[in-house]
Amino acid sequence: MRKRKYDSIDRMVKTGRALHACGCASDERMQRLAWCGIAPPAPLTPDEVRAIREEADLSLYVFANMLSTTARLLRRYEQGLDRPTGPLLRFLHTIREQGVKRVFPLTSAALGGKA
């Protein structure tokens, strides 16, 4: 059976914790090592992607622009023809957990005023 790369990262993080405990690794190095061990987010279903957009009461085109992607690709995510991956998937999880208004706070500059 082939081991997943996350298993080796978990072992590396455990070794780093042991080195940190005995004083051989600094706090900064331990923090960097812990970031390597962050597991990828769970995949989102098409209904979840649509729910994130609809909860914010945004059109497909506006939400796609906010995510720096195309409306066509966002539509494919919502229809289940494609799945978000990588940074976009993590970003969608953040928006779902914190809300669009927290991730994209409106400023007077965004509303057309002076910054």
C-alpha atoms as a PDB file:
ATOM      1  CA  MET A   1       0.000   0.000   0.000  1.00  0.00           C
ATOM      2  CA  ARG A   2       1.358   3.390  -0.982  1.00  0.00           C
ATOM      3  CA  LYS A   3       1.740   5.918   1.797  1.00  0.00           C
ATOM      4  CA  ARG A   4       0.222   9.325   1.359  1.00  0.00           C
ATOM      5  CA  LYS A   5       2.547  12.294   1.429  1.00  0.00           C
ATOM      6  CA  TYR A   6       0.657  13.618   4.449  1.00  0.00           C
ATOM      7  CA  ASP A   7       1.816  10.655   6.529  1.00  0.00           C
ATOM      8  CA  SER A   8       5.448  11.617   5.984  1.00  0.00           C
ATOM      9  CA  ILE A   9       4.646  15.263   6.754  1.00  0.00           C
ATOM     10  CA  ASP A  10       2.958  14.170   9.995  1.00  0.00           C
ATOM     11  CA  ARG A  11       6.103  12.253  10.987  1.00  0.00           C
ATOM     12  CA  MET A  12       8.236  15.285  10.151  1.00  0.00           C
ATOM     13  CA  VAL A  13       6.058  17.554  12.320  1.00  0.00           C
ATOM     14  CA  LYS A  14       6.223  15.077  15.238  1.00  0.00           C
ATOM     15  CA  THR A  15      10.022  14.971  14.955  1.00  0.00           C
ATOM     16  CA  GLY A  16      10.080  18.775  14.876  1.00  0.00           C
ATOM     17  CA  ARG A  17       7.997  18.927  18.058  1.00  0.00           C
ATOM     18  CA  ALA A  18      10.485  16.658  19.794  1.00  0.00           C
ATOM     19  CA  LEU A  19      13.386  18.850  18.648  1.00  0.00           C
ATOM     20  CA  HIS A  20      11.510  21.953  19.819  1.00  0.00           C
ATOM     21  CA  ALA A  21      10.842  20.388  23.225  1.00  0.00           C
ATOM     22  CA  CYS A  22      14.559  19.768  23.821  1.00  0.00           C
ATOM     23  CA  GLY A  23      15.486  23.259  22.609  1.00  0.00           C
ATOM     24  CA  CYS A  24      17.093  22.274  19.297  1.00  0.00           C
ATOM     25  CA  ALA A  25      14.493  24.115  17.176  1.00  0.00           C
ATOM     26  CA  SER A  26      13.336  27.709  17.613  1.00  0.00           C
ATOM     27  CA  ASP A  27       9.704  28.783  17.897  1.00  0.00           C
ATOM     28  CA  GLU A  28       9.864  30.369  14.448  1.00  0.00           C
ATOM     29  CA  ARG A  29      11.178  27.195  12.815  1.00  0.00           C
ATOM     30  CA  MET A  30       8.531  25.143  14.592  1.00  0.00           C
ATOM     31  CA  GLN A  31       5.790  27.443  13.314  1.00  0.00           C
ATOM     32  CA  ARG A  32       7.068  27.107   9.745  1.00  0.00           C
ATOM     33  CA  LEU A  33       7.175  23.343  10.131  1.00  0.00           C
ATOM     34  CA  ALA A  34       3.612  23.284  11.485  1.00  0.00           C
ATOM     35  CA  TRP A  35       2.408  25.190   8.412  1.00  0.00           C
ATOM     36  CA  CYS A  36       3.755  22.339   6.252  1.00  0.00           C
ATOM     37  CA  GLY A  37       1.566  19.925   8.150  1.00  0.00           C
ATOM     38  CA  ILE A  38      -1.715  21.731   7.457  1.00  0.00           C
ATOM     39  CA  ALA A  39      -4.060  19.232   5.853  1.00  0.00           C
ATOM     40  CA  PRO A  40      -5.847  20.191   2.652  1.00  0.00           C
ATOM     41  CA  PRO A  41      -9.455  21.335   3.072  1.00  0.00           C
ATOM     42  CA  ALA A  42     -12.320  18.959   2.414  1.00  0.00           C
ATOM     43  CA  PRO A  43     -13.826  19.161  -1.068  1.00  0.00           C
ATOM     44  CA  LEU A  44     -17.008  21.185  -1.487  1.00  0.00           C
ATOM     45  CA  THR A  45     -20.119  19.830  -3.142  1.00  0.00           C
ATOM     46  CA  PRO A  46     -21.816  21.855  -5.903  1.00  0.00           C
ATOM     47  CA  ASP A  47     -24.652  22.704  -3.513  1.00  0.00           C
ATOM     48  CA  GLU A  48     -22.175  24.055  -0.949  1.00  0.00           C
ATOM     49  CA  VAL A  49     -20.498  26.298  -3.536  1.00  0.00           C
ATOM     50  CA  ARG A  50     -23.894  27.638  -4.607  1.00  0.00           C
ATOM     51  CA  ALA A  51     -24.948  28.129  -0.965  1.00  0.00           C
ATOM     52  CA  ILE A  52     -21.842  30.227  -0.261  1.00  0.00           C
ATOM     53  CA  ARG A  53     -22.720  32.542  -3.159  1.00  0.00           C
ATOM     54  CA  GLU A  54     -26.444  32.699  -2.401  1.00  0.00           C
ATOM     55  CA  GLU A  55     -25.876  33.344   1.299  1.00  0.00           C
ATOM     56  CA  ALA A  56     -23.975  36.478   0.318  1.00  0.00           C
ATOM     57  CA  ASP A  57     -26.801  37.405  -2.109  1.00  0.00           C
ATOM     58  CA  LEU A  58     -24.378  37.843  -5.019  1.00  0.00           C
ATOM     59  CA  SER A  59     -24.827  37.152  -8.692  1.00  0.00           C
ATOM     60  CA  LEU A  60     -22.687  34.548 -10.390  1.00  0.00           C
ATOM     61  CA  TYR A  61     -20.714  37.214 -12.241  1.00  0.00           C
ATOM     62  CA  VAL A  62     -20.019  39.389  -9.187  1.00  0.00           C
ATOM     63  CA  PHE A  63     -18.946  36.435  -7.035  1.00  0.00           C
ATOM     64  CA  ALA A  64     -16.705  35.087  -9.810  1.00  0.00           C
ATOM     65  CA  ASN A  65     -15.067  38.510 -10.092  1.00  0.00           C
ATOM     66  CA  MET A  66     -14.488  38.588  -6.326  1.00  0.00           C
ATOM     67  CA  LEU A  67     -12.805  35.162  -6.550  1.00  0.00           C
ATOM     68  CA  SER A  68     -10.693  36.288  -9.542  1.00  0.00           C
ATOM     69  CA  THR A  69     -12.138  33.554 -11.720  1.00  0.00           C
ATOM     70  CA  THR A  70     -14.600  33.393 -14.587  1.00  0.00           C
ATOM     71  CA  ALA A  71     -18.351  33.061 -14.290  1.00  0.00           C
ATOM     72  CA  ARG A  72     -18.143  30.033 -16.566  1.00  0.00           C
ATOM     73  CA  LEU A  73     -15.807  28.200 -14.190  1.00  0.00           C
ATOM     74  CA  LEU A  74     -17.893  29.155 -11.149  1.00  0.00           C
ATOM     75  CA  ARG A  75     -20.996  27.866 -12.960  1.00  0.00           C
ATOM     76  CA  ARG A  76     -19.164  24.572 -13.625  1.00  0.00           C
ATOM     77  CA  TYR A  77     -18.413  24.315  -9.888  1.00  0.00           C
ATOM     78  CA  GLU A  78     -22.084  24.901  -9.041  1.00  0.00           C
ATOM     79  CA  GLN A  79     -23.271  22.355 -11.600  1.00  0.00           C
ATOM     80  CA  GLY A  80     -20.841  19.684 -10.436  1.00  0.00           C
ATOM     81  CA  LEU A  81     -18.947  19.536 -13.741  1.00  0.00           C
ATOM     82  CA  ASP A  82     -15.736  20.637 -12.051  1.00  0.00           C
ATOM     83  CA  ARG A  83     -14.466  21.003  -8.470  1.00  0.00           C
ATOM     84  CA  PRO A  84     -12.532  23.868  -6.901  1.00  0.00           C
ATOM     85  CA  THR A  85      -9.047  22.899  -5.761  1.00  0.00           C
ATOM     86  CA  GLY A  86      -5.973  24.453  -4.204  1.00  0.00           C
ATOM     87  CA  PRO A  87      -6.036  28.044  -2.989  1.00  0.00           C
ATOM     88  CA  LEU A  88      -9.539  28.670  -4.365  1.00  0.00           C
ATOM     89  CA  LEU A  89     -10.929  25.768  -2.335  1.00  0.00           C
ATOM     90  CA  ARG A  90      -9.280  27.080   0.840  1.00  0.00           C
ATOM     91  CA  PHE A  91     -10.571  30.580   0.034  1.00  0.00           C
ATOM     92  CA  LEU A  92     -14.143  29.289  -0.394  1.00  0.00           C
ATOM     93  CA  HIS A  93     -13.878  27.531   2.990  1.00  0.00           C
ATOM     94  CA  THR A  94     -12.719  30.803   4.557  1.00  0.00           C
ATOM     95  CA  ILE A  95     -15.628  32.700   3.013  1.00  0.00           C
ATOM     96  CA  ARG A  96     -18.065  30.042   4.233  1.00  0.00           C
ATOM     97  CA  GLU A  97     -16.677  30.154   7.793  1.00  0.00           C
ATOM     98  CA  GLN A  98     -16.210  33.926   8.155  1.00  0.00           C
ATOM     99  CA  GLY A  99     -18.729  35.356   5.700  1.00  0.00           C
ATOM    100  CA  VAL A 100     -18.223  37.475   2.608  1.00  0.00           C
ATOM    101  CA  LYS A 101     -18.458  40.789   4.469  1.00  0.00           C
ATOM    102  CA  ARG A 102     -15.612  39.797   6.771  1.00  0.00           C
ATOM    103  CA  VAL A 103     -13.366  38.550   3.951  1.00  0.00           C
ATOM    104  CA  PHE A 104     -14.232  41.443   1.611  1.00  0.00           C
ATOM    105  CA  PRO A 105     -14.887  44.479   3.832  1.00  0.00           C
ATOM    106  CA  LEU A 106     -16.332  47.417   1.960  1.00  0.00           C
ATOM    107  CA  THR A 107     -14.318  50.595   2.136  1.00  0.00           C
ATOM    108  CA  SER A 108     -15.239  54.070   0.984  1.00  0.00           C
ATOM    109  CA  ALA A 109     -12.779  53.617  -1.911  1.00  0.00           C
ATOM    110  CA  ALA A 110     -14.678  50.519  -3.039  1.00  0.00           C
ATOM    111  CA  LEU A 111     -17.906  52.504  -2.968  1.00  0.00           C
ATOM    112  CA  GLY A 112     -16.410  55.229  -5.159  1.00  0.00           C
ATOM    113  CA  GLY A 113     -15.334  57.631  -2.393  1.00  0.00           C
ATOM    114  CA  LYS A 114     -11.905  58.805  -1.401  1.00  0.00           C
ATOM    115  CA  ALA A 115      -9.658  56.366   0.393  1.00  0.00           C
END
